[in-house]
Amino acid sequence: MAKKGKAHFLSYHIFLTGWNESQATHIALHYDEKVDVITGLRQKTFYGRPNWNNEFKQIAENHP
């Protein structure tokens, strides 16, 4: 899509709301890598529960 001038065509937020100690250690060790340690994507995973008010507010601002 970037080649077609629509680089921001799709956006997403991934939330991990539960993990165990070994996963937390693995995440902490690889935090500064270019790709997300859980998904392998460039977009990083958010840890914890989403604040839906903030999420929907941001969507409304981006897509009036």
Protein backbone atom coordinates (compact mmCIF):
# COMPACT_ATOMS: atom_id res chain seq x y z
CA MET A 1 0.00 0.00 0.00
CA ALA A 2 2.94 2.34 0.59
CA LYS A 3 3.78 2.14 -3.12
CA LYS A 4 0.22 3.28 -3.87
CA GLY A 5 0.50 6.27 -1.54
CA LYS A 6 -1.60 4.70 1.20
CA ALA A 7 1.03 3.90 3.82
CA HIS A 8 -1.47 4.39 6.67
CA PHE A 9 -4.24 2.32 5.07
CA LEU A 10 -4.27 -0.15 7.96
CA SER A 11 -3.34 0.36 11.57
CA TYR A 12 -3.67 -2.06 14.44
CA HIS A 13 -2.90 -2.42 18.12
CA ILE A 14 -2.27 -5.84 19.61
CA PHE A 15 -2.71 -6.21 23.37
CA LEU A 16 -1.34 -9.08 25.43
CA THR A 17 -3.46 -9.16 28.57
CA GLY A 18 -1.94 -12.17 30.27
CA TRP A 19 1.46 -13.84 30.33
CA ASN A 20 3.54 -16.06 32.55
CA GLU A 21 6.96 -15.45 34.09
CA SER A 22 8.96 -17.12 31.32
CA GLN A 23 7.15 -15.06 28.67
CA ALA A 24 7.77 -11.86 30.65
CA THR A 25 11.49 -12.66 30.86
CA HIS A 26 11.66 -13.40 27.12
CA ILE A 27 9.82 -10.15 26.32
CA ALA A 28 12.12 -8.12 28.58
CA LEU A 29 15.28 -9.61 27.05
CA HIS A 30 14.16 -8.78 23.49
CA TYR A 31 12.36 -5.48 24.14
CA ASP A 32 14.69 -3.31 22.01
CA GLU A 33 14.59 -5.48 18.88
CA LYS A 34 13.16 -4.04 15.65
CA VAL A 35 10.39 -6.62 15.48
CA ASP A 36 7.99 -7.65 18.21
CA VAL A 37 9.11 -10.72 20.12
CA ILE A 38 5.57 -12.15 20.30
CA THR A 39 4.23 -11.51 16.78
CA GLY A 40 7.37 -10.96 14.69
CA LEU A 41 5.77 -7.79 13.30
CA ARG A 42 7.28 -4.29 13.25
CA GLN A 43 4.32 -3.01 15.29
CA LYS A 44 5.04 -3.68 18.96
CA THR A 45 2.57 -5.46 21.23
CA PHE A 46 1.01 -3.47 24.06
CA TYR A 47 1.12 -5.24 27.41
CA GLY A 48 -1.90 -5.04 29.68
CA ARG A 49 -5.53 -4.26 29.08
CA PRO A 50 -6.45 -1.56 26.58
CA ASN A 51 -7.93 1.71 27.74
CA TRP A 52 -10.92 1.62 25.42
CA ASN A 53 -11.79 5.29 25.95
CA ASN A 54 -8.35 6.29 24.66
CA GLU A 55 -8.45 3.76 21.82
CA PHE A 56 -11.84 4.92 20.53
CA LYS A 57 -10.93 8.59 21.01
CA GLN A 58 -7.83 8.12 18.86
CA ILE A 59 -9.84 6.36 16.16
CA ALA A 60 -12.43 9.16 16.15
CA GLU A 61 -9.67 11.78 15.84
CA ASN A 62 -7.99 9.92 12.98
CA HIS A 63 -11.26 9.26 11.10
CA PRO A 64 -13.64 12.18 11.62
